[in-house]
N, C-alpha and C. Protein backbone atom coordinates (compact mmCIF):
# COMPACT_ATOMS: atom_id res chain seq x y z
N MET A 1 -30.99 -83.61 1.00
CA MET A 1 -32.19 -84.01 1.25
C MET A 1 -32.93 -83.59 2.41
N ASN A 2 -33.92 -82.98 2.57
CA ASN A 2 -34.85 -82.57 3.49
C ASN A 2 -35.70 -83.66 4.20
N VAL A 3 -35.36 -83.44 5.31
CA VAL A 3 -36.24 -84.62 6.25
C VAL A 3 -36.96 -84.11 7.25
N PHE A 4 -38.16 -84.36 7.33
CA PHE A 4 -39.15 -84.21 8.73
C PHE A 4 -39.46 -85.53 9.33
N ARG A 5 -39.21 -85.44 10.68
CA ARG A 5 -39.17 -86.88 11.37
C ARG A 5 -40.24 -86.61 12.41
N ALA A 6 -40.70 -88.04 12.76
CA ALA A 6 -41.93 -88.10 13.76
C ALA A 6 -41.32 -88.98 14.78
N GLY A 7 -40.31 -89.33 15.01
CA GLY A 7 -39.89 -90.38 16.17
C GLY A 7 -40.09 -91.68 15.66
N GLY A 8 -39.76 -92.52 16.40
CA GLY A 8 -40.09 -94.02 16.16
C GLY A 8 -39.51 -94.49 14.65
N GLY A 9 -38.49 -93.73 14.06
CA GLY A 9 -37.94 -94.03 12.64
C GLY A 9 -38.83 -93.36 11.54
N ARG A 10 -40.02 -93.00 11.98
CA ARG A 10 -40.95 -92.43 10.76
C ARG A 10 -40.24 -91.01 10.36
N ARG A 11 -40.19 -91.16 9.03
CA ARG A 11 -39.59 -89.69 8.46
C ARG A 11 -40.15 -89.65 7.04
N LEU A 12 -40.18 -88.40 6.67
CA LEU A 12 -40.53 -87.85 5.37
C LEU A 12 -39.42 -87.00 4.74
N GLU A 13 -39.10 -87.76 3.44
CA GLU A 13 -37.65 -87.18 2.74
C GLU A 13 -38.31 -86.66 1.79
N MET A 14 -37.94 -85.27 1.47
CA MET A 14 -38.28 -84.78 0.11
C MET A 14 -37.35 -84.09 -0.49
N THR A 15 -37.38 -83.86 -1.79
CA THR A 15 -36.40 -83.08 -2.67
C THR A 15 -36.64 -81.72 -2.33
N ASN A 16 -35.67 -80.95 -3.01
CA ASN A 16 -35.88 -79.48 -2.68
C ASN A 16 -37.18 -78.84 -3.04
N GLY A 17 -37.55 -79.33 -4.31
CA GLY A 17 -38.81 -78.71 -4.91
C GLY A 17 -40.03 -79.15 -4.06
N GLY A 18 -39.92 -80.54 -3.84
CA GLY A 18 -41.08 -81.05 -3.04
C GLY A 18 -41.08 -80.39 -1.52
N THR A 19 -40.08 -80.18 -0.83
CA THR A 19 -40.09 -79.32 0.41
C THR A 19 -40.59 -78.08 -0.01
N ALA A 20 -40.33 -77.21 -0.94
CA ALA A 20 -40.85 -76.06 -1.10
C ALA A 20 -42.43 -76.00 -1.08
N VAL A 21 -42.93 -76.93 -2.12
CA VAL A 21 -44.46 -77.07 -2.17
C VAL A 21 -44.98 -77.36 -0.82
N PHE A 22 -44.49 -78.39 -0.20
CA PHE A 22 -44.86 -78.75 1.12
C PHE A 22 -45.05 -77.56 1.95
N VAL A 23 -43.90 -76.76 2.29
CA VAL A 23 -43.77 -75.59 2.91
C VAL A 23 -45.06 -74.69 2.70
N ASP A 24 -45.09 -74.29 1.18
CA ASP A 24 -45.96 -73.38 0.82
C ASP A 24 -47.30 -73.72 1.19
N LEU A 25 -47.84 -75.07 0.97
CA LEU A 25 -49.22 -75.41 1.31
C LEU A 25 -49.39 -75.48 2.84
N LEU A 26 -48.51 -75.91 3.62
CA LEU A 26 -48.63 -75.56 5.19
C LEU A 26 -48.74 -74.12 5.43
N MET A 27 -48.09 -73.27 4.94
CA MET A 27 -48.29 -71.68 5.24
C MET A 27 -49.39 -71.22 4.80
N LEU A 28 -50.11 -71.77 3.64
CA LEU A 28 -51.24 -71.20 3.49
C LEU A 28 -52.28 -71.61 4.54
N SER A 29 -52.26 -72.71 4.93
CA SER A 29 -53.16 -73.47 5.68
C SER A 29 -53.13 -72.89 7.26
N VAL A 30 -51.70 -72.81 7.61
CA VAL A 30 -51.54 -72.49 8.87
C VAL A 30 -51.93 -70.98 9.19
N SER A 31 -51.69 -70.21 8.08
CA SER A 31 -51.97 -68.69 8.18
C SER A 31 -53.37 -68.51 8.35
N ALA A 32 -54.38 -69.53 7.70
CA ALA A 32 -55.77 -69.36 7.87
C ALA A 32 -56.28 -69.73 9.01
N LEU A 33 -55.54 -70.73 9.83
CA LEU A 33 -56.12 -71.23 11.03
C LEU A 33 -55.48 -70.61 12.20
N ALA A 34 -54.29 -69.93 12.23
CA ALA A 34 -53.68 -69.61 13.56
C ALA A 34 -54.51 -68.57 14.37
N ARG A 35 -54.62 -68.99 15.73
CA ARG A 35 -55.37 -68.18 16.73
C ARG A 35 -54.59 -68.26 18.02
N GLU A 36 -53.88 -69.12 18.24
CA GLU A 36 -53.28 -69.23 19.72
C GLU A 36 -51.80 -68.86 19.61
N PRO A 37 -51.12 -68.70 20.60
CA PRO A 37 -49.63 -68.34 20.65
C PRO A 37 -48.90 -69.74 20.22
N TRP A 38 -49.15 -70.97 20.37
CA TRP A 38 -48.42 -72.12 19.76
C TRP A 38 -48.57 -72.12 18.43
N HIS A 39 -49.70 -71.81 17.85
CA HIS A 39 -50.01 -71.66 16.25
C HIS A 39 -49.03 -71.00 15.65
N PHE A 40 -48.98 -69.75 16.16
CA PHE A 40 -48.03 -68.61 15.57
C PHE A 40 -46.62 -69.01 15.85
N ARG A 41 -46.31 -69.79 16.68
CA ARG A 41 -44.88 -70.31 16.97
C ARG A 41 -44.52 -71.41 15.87
N PHE A 42 -45.49 -72.18 15.71
CA PHE A 42 -45.47 -73.24 14.66
C PHE A 42 -45.29 -72.50 13.22
N ALA A 43 -46.14 -71.65 13.16
CA ALA A 43 -45.95 -71.01 11.81
C ALA A 43 -44.51 -70.23 11.77
N ALA A 44 -43.99 -69.73 12.67
CA ALA A 44 -42.74 -69.27 12.61
C ALA A 44 -41.64 -70.31 12.23
N LEU A 45 -41.77 -71.56 12.69
CA LEU A 45 -41.02 -72.82 12.54
C LEU A 45 -41.15 -73.16 11.16
N LEU A 46 -42.32 -72.98 10.54
CA LEU A 46 -42.34 -73.15 9.11
C LEU A 46 -41.69 -72.27 8.22
N THR A 47 -41.45 -71.03 8.62
CA THR A 47 -40.71 -70.21 7.89
C THR A 47 -39.71 -70.27 7.95
N LEU A 48 -38.99 -71.12 9.05
CA LEU A 48 -37.54 -71.32 9.02
C LEU A 48 -37.24 -72.60 8.00
N GLN A 49 -38.33 -73.12 7.48
CA GLN A 49 -37.88 -74.28 6.46
C GLN A 49 -37.87 -73.56 4.99
N ASP A 50 -37.81 -72.21 4.94
CA ASP A 50 -37.77 -71.55 3.70
C ASP A 50 -36.34 -71.82 2.96
N GLN A 51 -36.27 -72.63 1.95
CA GLN A 51 -34.92 -72.79 1.42
C GLN A 51 -34.41 -71.72 0.82
N SER A 52 -35.18 -70.72 0.30
CA SER A 52 -34.53 -69.69 -0.17
C SER A 52 -33.71 -68.90 0.46
N VAL A 53 -33.93 -68.99 2.01
CA VAL A 53 -33.27 -68.24 2.85
C VAL A 53 -32.19 -69.19 3.55
N MET A 54 -32.68 -70.33 3.98
CA MET A 54 -31.85 -71.19 4.89
C MET A 54 -30.95 -72.10 3.96
N GLY A 55 -31.25 -72.36 2.85
CA GLY A 55 -30.16 -72.97 1.86
C GLY A 55 -31.30 -74.26 1.56
N ARG A 56 -30.87 -74.74 0.27
CA ARG A 56 -31.52 -76.05 -0.32
C ARG A 56 -30.97 -77.05 0.22
N GLY A 57 -31.94 -78.00 0.65
CA GLY A 57 -31.47 -79.54 1.22
C GLY A 57 -30.99 -79.36 2.60
N VAL A 58 -31.20 -78.65 3.44
CA VAL A 58 -30.75 -78.36 4.78
C VAL A 58 -32.01 -78.23 5.77
N VAL A 59 -33.29 -78.22 5.44
CA VAL A 59 -34.38 -77.92 6.17
C VAL A 59 -34.88 -79.07 6.90
N GLY A 60 -35.72 -79.00 7.74
CA GLY A 60 -36.51 -80.21 8.17
C GLY A 60 -36.43 -80.15 9.82
N PHE A 61 -37.35 -80.96 10.51
CA PHE A 61 -37.33 -80.86 11.93
C PHE A 61 -37.85 -82.00 12.25
N ASP A 62 -37.77 -82.40 13.73
CA ASP A 62 -38.24 -83.81 14.17
C ASP A 62 -39.48 -83.39 15.33
N LEU A 63 -40.53 -83.80 15.15
CA LEU A 63 -41.86 -83.78 16.21
C LEU A 63 -41.30 -83.83 17.48
N GLU A 64 -40.42 -84.76 17.71
CA GLU A 64 -39.95 -84.90 19.07
C GLU A 64 -39.13 -83.92 19.53
N ASP A 65 -38.67 -82.96 19.02
CA ASP A 65 -37.87 -81.75 19.22
C ASP A 65 -38.67 -80.55 19.69
N LEU A 66 -39.91 -80.77 19.36
CA LEU A 66 -40.67 -79.72 19.51
C LEU A 66 -41.33 -79.49 21.07
N ASP A 67 -41.63 -78.11 21.48
CA ASP A 67 -42.20 -78.13 22.62
C ASP A 67 -43.76 -77.85 22.53
N TRP A 68 -44.43 -79.08 22.74
CA TRP A 68 -45.83 -79.13 22.44
C TRP A 68 -46.73 -78.71 23.65
N GLY A 69 -46.09 -78.27 24.77
CA GLY A 69 -46.96 -77.92 25.83
C GLY A 69 -46.49 -78.32 27.10
N ASP A 70 -46.92 -77.97 28.36
CA ASP A 70 -46.62 -78.44 29.34
C ASP A 70 -47.71 -79.60 30.01
N THR A 71 -48.91 -79.53 29.74
CA THR A 71 -49.90 -80.57 30.03
C THR A 71 -50.43 -81.17 28.97
N PRO A 72 -51.08 -82.30 29.23
CA PRO A 72 -51.73 -83.19 28.17
C PRO A 72 -52.85 -82.21 27.39
N GLN A 73 -53.45 -81.50 28.03
CA GLN A 73 -54.44 -80.59 27.25
C GLN A 73 -53.80 -79.79 26.37
N GLU A 74 -52.65 -79.02 26.85
CA GLU A 74 -51.96 -78.43 25.88
C GLU A 74 -51.28 -79.05 24.69
N GLN A 75 -50.78 -80.26 24.96
CA GLN A 75 -50.12 -81.12 23.93
C GLN A 75 -51.28 -81.50 22.98
N ALA A 76 -52.55 -82.11 23.37
CA ALA A 76 -53.41 -82.45 22.61
C ALA A 76 -54.03 -81.20 21.76
N ALA A 77 -54.18 -79.98 22.28
CA ALA A 77 -54.62 -78.84 21.33
C ALA A 77 -53.52 -78.39 19.96
N ALA A 78 -52.20 -78.51 20.56
CA ALA A 78 -51.27 -78.33 19.70
C ALA A 78 -51.25 -79.34 18.42
N LYS A 79 -51.32 -80.73 18.67
CA LYS A 79 -51.32 -81.70 17.86
C LYS A 79 -52.58 -81.69 16.98
N ASN A 80 -53.87 -81.52 17.65
CA ASN A 80 -55.08 -81.17 16.90
C ASN A 80 -54.80 -80.05 15.85
N PHE A 81 -54.23 -79.10 16.24
CA PHE A 81 -53.96 -77.83 15.53
C PHE A 81 -53.23 -78.12 14.15
N LEU A 82 -52.26 -79.00 14.45
CA LEU A 82 -51.29 -79.41 13.30
C LEU A 82 -52.06 -80.31 12.40
N LEU A 83 -52.91 -81.23 12.94
CA LEU A 83 -53.85 -82.20 12.01
C LEU A 83 -54.94 -81.33 11.15
N ARG A 84 -55.54 -80.09 11.85
CA ARG A 84 -56.41 -79.26 11.24
C ARG A 84 -55.60 -78.47 10.03
N VAL A 85 -54.44 -78.36 10.32
CA VAL A 85 -53.55 -77.51 9.37
C VAL A 85 -53.24 -78.48 7.98
N LEU A 86 -52.97 -79.58 8.46
CA LEU A 86 -52.85 -80.63 7.22
C LEU A 86 -54.13 -81.10 6.62
N ASP A 87 -55.24 -81.05 7.39
CA ASP A 87 -56.45 -81.38 6.56
C ASP A 87 -56.85 -80.20 5.63
N LEU A 88 -56.76 -78.98 6.20
CA LEU A 88 -56.93 -78.08 5.34
C LEU A 88 -56.04 -77.90 4.00
N ALA A 89 -54.79 -78.18 4.13
CA ALA A 89 -53.97 -78.22 2.91
C ALA A 89 -54.42 -79.23 2.26
N LEU A 90 -54.77 -80.53 2.69
CA LEU A 90 -55.19 -81.68 1.78
C LEU A 90 -56.51 -81.11 1.19
N SER A 91 -57.35 -80.29 1.62
CA SER A 91 -58.66 -79.97 0.91
C SER A 91 -58.47 -79.01 -0.22
N GLY A 92 -57.19 -78.85 -0.48
CA GLY A 92 -56.78 -77.90 -1.81
C GLY A 92 -56.73 -76.31 -1.37
N HIS A 93 -56.89 -75.97 -0.15
CA HIS A 93 -56.97 -74.67 0.22
C HIS A 93 -55.98 -73.85 -0.43
N ARG A 94 -56.56 -72.85 -1.36
CA ARG A 94 -55.81 -71.95 -2.18
C ARG A 94 -54.80 -72.48 -3.12
N TRP A 95 -54.93 -73.81 -3.33
CA TRP A 95 -53.80 -74.21 -4.27
C TRP A 95 -54.10 -73.71 -5.64
N GLU A 96 -55.35 -73.12 -5.91
CA GLU A 96 -55.48 -72.34 -7.18
C GLU A 96 -54.54 -71.19 -7.25
N GLU A 97 -54.20 -70.54 -6.30
CA GLU A 97 -53.32 -69.51 -6.24
C GLU A 97 -52.03 -69.74 -6.51
N LEU A 98 -51.56 -71.09 -6.42
CA LEU A 98 -50.13 -71.17 -7.02
C LEU A 98 -49.81 -71.08 -8.29
N THR A 99 -48.43 -70.68 -8.55
CA THR A 99 -47.97 -70.43 -9.91
C THR A 99 -47.49 -71.78 -10.51
N TYR A 100 -47.77 -72.95 -9.96
CA TYR A 100 -47.30 -73.99 -10.38
C TYR A 100 -48.30 -75.33 -10.01
N GLU A 101 -48.23 -76.41 -10.64
CA GLU A 101 -48.99 -77.54 -10.22
C GLU A 101 -48.26 -78.46 -9.23
N PRO A 102 -48.91 -78.67 -8.01
CA PRO A 102 -48.20 -79.72 -6.77
C PRO A 102 -48.42 -80.95 -7.12
N PRO A 103 -47.97 -81.92 -8.21
CA PRO A 103 -48.32 -83.23 -8.39
C PRO A 103 -47.97 -84.13 -7.28
N TRP A 104 -46.92 -84.03 -6.39
CA TRP A 104 -46.69 -84.98 -5.39
C TRP A 104 -47.11 -84.54 -4.22
N ALA A 105 -47.74 -83.20 -3.99
CA ALA A 105 -48.12 -82.72 -2.74
C ALA A 105 -49.10 -83.72 -2.01
N GLU A 106 -50.00 -83.92 -2.48
CA GLU A 106 -51.15 -84.99 -1.70
C GLU A 106 -50.52 -85.93 -1.06
N GLY A 107 -49.62 -86.53 -1.74
CA GLY A 107 -48.92 -87.68 -0.99
C GLY A 107 -48.08 -87.33 0.26
N TYR A 108 -47.30 -86.35 -0.01
CA TYR A 108 -46.39 -85.72 1.10
C TYR A 108 -47.35 -85.42 2.29
N LEU A 109 -48.40 -84.70 2.00
CA LEU A 109 -49.11 -84.01 3.21
C LEU A 109 -49.94 -85.54 3.89
N ARG A 110 -50.33 -86.46 2.97
CA ARG A 110 -51.07 -87.67 3.51
C ARG A 110 -50.03 -88.32 4.56
N THR A 111 -48.76 -88.58 3.98
CA THR A 111 -47.69 -89.11 4.80
C THR A 111 -47.48 -88.48 5.86
N TYR A 112 -47.37 -87.15 5.84
CA TYR A 112 -46.82 -86.34 7.01
C TYR A 112 -48.17 -86.29 8.01
N ARG A 113 -49.55 -86.46 7.61
CA ARG A 113 -50.59 -86.30 8.40
C ARG A 113 -50.32 -87.53 9.11
N ALA A 114 -50.26 -88.89 8.72
CA ALA A 114 -50.19 -90.09 9.29
C ALA A 114 -49.31 -90.06 10.23
N MET A 115 -48.01 -89.41 10.05
CA MET A 115 -46.83 -89.57 11.09
C MET A 115 -47.42 -88.64 12.23
N VAL A 116 -47.93 -87.50 11.87
CA VAL A 116 -48.59 -86.65 13.28
C VAL A 116 -49.51 -87.30 13.84
N GLU A 117 -50.55 -88.02 13.32
CA GLU A 117 -51.57 -88.77 14.04
C GLU A 117 -50.93 -89.69 15.03
N GLU A 118 -49.81 -90.50 14.36
CA GLU A 118 -49.34 -91.60 15.21
C GLU A 118 -48.35 -91.00 16.40
N PHE A 119 -48.01 -89.57 16.12
CA PHE A 119 -47.09 -89.30 17.12
C PHE A 119 -47.55 -88.95 18.54
N ASP A 120 -47.16 -89.06 19.66
CA ASP A 120 -47.57 -89.08 20.85
C ASP A 120 -46.84 -87.81 21.52
N PRO A 121 -47.29 -86.46 21.45
CA PRO A 121 -46.65 -85.37 21.90
C PRO A 121 -46.00 -85.48 23.39
N ALA A 122 -46.51 -86.36 24.09
CA ALA A 122 -45.80 -86.57 25.60
C ALA A 122 -44.67 -87.17 25.46
N THR A 123 -44.12 -87.63 24.52
CA THR A 123 -42.95 -88.34 24.27
C THR A 123 -41.74 -87.43 23.69
N ALA A 124 -42.15 -86.21 23.50
CA ALA A 124 -41.26 -85.27 22.81
C ALA A 124 -40.27 -84.70 24.02
N ARG A 125 -39.11 -84.38 23.41
CA ARG A 125 -38.17 -83.93 24.13
C ARG A 125 -38.06 -82.50 24.50
N GLY A 126 -38.74 -81.86 23.66
CA GLY A 126 -38.79 -80.09 23.65
C GLY A 126 -37.51 -79.60 23.68
N GLU A 127 -36.64 -79.96 22.51
CA GLU A 127 -35.25 -79.50 22.41
C GLU A 127 -35.53 -77.92 22.54
N ALA A 128 -34.54 -77.04 23.12
CA ALA A 128 -34.68 -75.43 23.19
C ALA A 128 -34.11 -75.08 21.73
N GLY A 129 -34.82 -74.12 21.41
CA GLY A 129 -34.61 -73.37 20.02
C GLY A 129 -35.23 -74.10 18.90
N VAL A 130 -35.79 -75.26 18.70
CA VAL A 130 -36.36 -75.80 17.78
C VAL A 130 -37.54 -75.02 17.23
N LEU A 131 -38.53 -75.15 18.10
CA LEU A 131 -39.75 -74.12 18.17
C LEU A 131 -39.54 -73.02 18.47
N PRO A 132 -39.73 -71.88 17.73
CA PRO A 132 -39.30 -70.66 18.08
C PRO A 132 -40.12 -70.13 19.37
N GLY A 133 -39.73 -69.26 19.90
CA GLY A 133 -40.30 -68.95 21.30
C GLY A 133 -41.36 -68.05 20.94
N PRO A 134 -42.09 -67.48 22.06
CA PRO A 134 -43.34 -66.64 21.92
C PRO A 134 -42.79 -65.23 21.19
N GLN A 135 -41.67 -64.86 21.63
CA GLN A 135 -41.20 -63.45 21.24
C GLN A 135 -40.86 -63.62 19.80
N GLU A 136 -40.83 -64.92 18.98
CA GLU A 136 -40.44 -65.16 17.79
C GLU A 136 -41.39 -65.63 16.90
N ALA A 137 -42.67 -65.75 17.32
CA ALA A 137 -43.76 -66.23 16.61
C ALA A 137 -44.01 -65.40 15.62
N ALA A 138 -44.56 -65.90 14.56
CA ALA A 138 -44.97 -65.20 13.04
C ALA A 138 -46.24 -64.54 13.26
N MET A 139 -46.20 -63.46 13.59
CA MET A 139 -47.40 -62.57 13.86
C MET A 139 -47.74 -61.59 12.88
N ALA A 140 -46.92 -61.29 12.20
CA ALA A 140 -46.99 -60.15 11.07
C ALA A 140 -47.50 -61.01 9.62
N SER A 141 -48.43 -60.50 8.76
CA SER A 141 -48.91 -60.88 7.68
C SER A 141 -48.33 -60.22 6.49
N CYS A 142 -48.06 -61.10 5.63
CA CYS A 142 -47.57 -60.55 4.00
C CYS A 142 -48.97 -60.09 3.53
N VAL A 143 -48.98 -58.75 3.13
CA VAL A 143 -50.22 -58.32 2.71
C VAL A 143 -50.35 -58.92 1.27
N ARG A 144 -49.17 -58.98 0.50
CA ARG A 144 -49.39 -59.42 -1.05
C ARG A 144 -49.75 -60.82 -1.16
N HIS A 145 -49.34 -61.78 -0.21
CA HIS A 145 -49.44 -63.09 -0.28
C HIS A 145 -50.61 -63.61 0.61
N ARG A 146 -51.08 -62.85 1.62
CA ARG A 146 -52.03 -63.34 2.75
C ARG A 146 -51.66 -64.33 3.39
N VAL A 147 -50.43 -64.52 3.89
CA VAL A 147 -49.69 -65.43 4.63
C VAL A 147 -48.95 -64.92 5.78
N LEU A 148 -48.68 -65.57 7.00
CA LEU A 148 -47.75 -65.21 7.97
C LEU A 148 -46.44 -64.98 7.27
N GLY A 149 -45.84 -63.99 7.75
CA GLY A 149 -44.49 -63.66 7.32
C GLY A 149 -43.39 -64.28 8.39
N ALA A 150 -42.29 -63.90 7.99
CA ALA A 150 -41.05 -64.41 8.78
C ALA A 150 -40.48 -63.50 9.93
N LEU A 151 -41.01 -62.51 10.04
CA LEU A 151 -40.87 -61.52 11.07
C LEU A 151 -40.77 -62.38 12.43
N PRO A 152 -39.77 -62.17 13.34
CA PRO A 152 -38.71 -61.28 13.36
C PRO A 152 -37.34 -61.81 12.72
N PHE A 153 -37.54 -62.87 12.00
CA PHE A 153 -36.18 -63.28 11.36
C PHE A 153 -35.75 -62.79 10.41
N TRP A 154 -36.63 -62.60 9.07
CA TRP A 154 -36.57 -61.64 8.01
C TRP A 154 -37.64 -61.09 7.59
N GLU A 155 -37.90 -60.27 6.64
CA GLU A 155 -39.17 -59.26 6.49
C GLU A 155 -40.24 -60.06 5.58
N ALA A 156 -39.48 -61.14 4.91
CA ALA A 156 -40.51 -61.62 3.74
C ALA A 156 -41.35 -62.82 3.99
N CYS A 157 -42.41 -63.34 3.23
CA CYS A 157 -42.92 -64.44 3.57
C CYS A 157 -42.18 -65.50 2.73
N VAL A 158 -42.57 -66.73 2.78
CA VAL A 158 -42.13 -67.93 1.89
C VAL A 158 -42.46 -67.65 0.43
N PHE A 159 -43.42 -67.01 0.12
CA PHE A 159 -43.72 -66.57 -1.51
C PHE A 159 -42.97 -65.33 -1.88
N CYS A 160 -42.79 -64.52 -1.05
CA CYS A 160 -41.88 -63.16 -1.46
C CYS A 160 -40.40 -63.72 -1.58
N THR A 161 -39.79 -64.62 -0.69
CA THR A 161 -38.28 -65.09 -0.95
C THR A 161 -38.19 -66.02 -2.23
N ALA A 162 -39.33 -66.57 -2.59
CA ALA A 162 -39.39 -67.42 -3.85
C ALA A 162 -39.46 -66.86 -5.13
N GLY A 163 -39.57 -65.25 -4.95
CA GLY A 163 -40.05 -64.46 -6.21
C GLY A 163 -41.32 -64.60 -6.74
N VAL A 164 -42.30 -65.09 -6.10
CA VAL A 164 -43.66 -65.21 -6.65
C VAL A 164 -44.36 -64.14 -6.47
């Protein structure tokens, strides 16, 4: 089971298929909105949730383990970005391009959005190595799928590795 946590016992557990859909939808949105270094670092973290590469049933992360920034302003900006990503995904952004129907996706996205909304980045521990560093940020775009790729970790995007 793949688990995404937000501290305080809040967690979103998903099947392998549900996780793949969740990551696909977030990648479509994060790729459309990323502009700042933290955005591209978060995109890289999402690429590391690709079960086609990392293995099925072993992905997920805890919001408490992320480096949200050093100042309250940086932390608020990072949280706001993640909420905008979730809102764009919930709007159905590029869902029509998927090769499958995501019947449970809206519920997963709404649950995770509520978790992020309640989360206070000032309480984060910022565990080293959880959020990829600036040199590992997802800056390259997959031309075929128009999403940020997984460079420098591997050459393909989450859609390429899934064979889409």
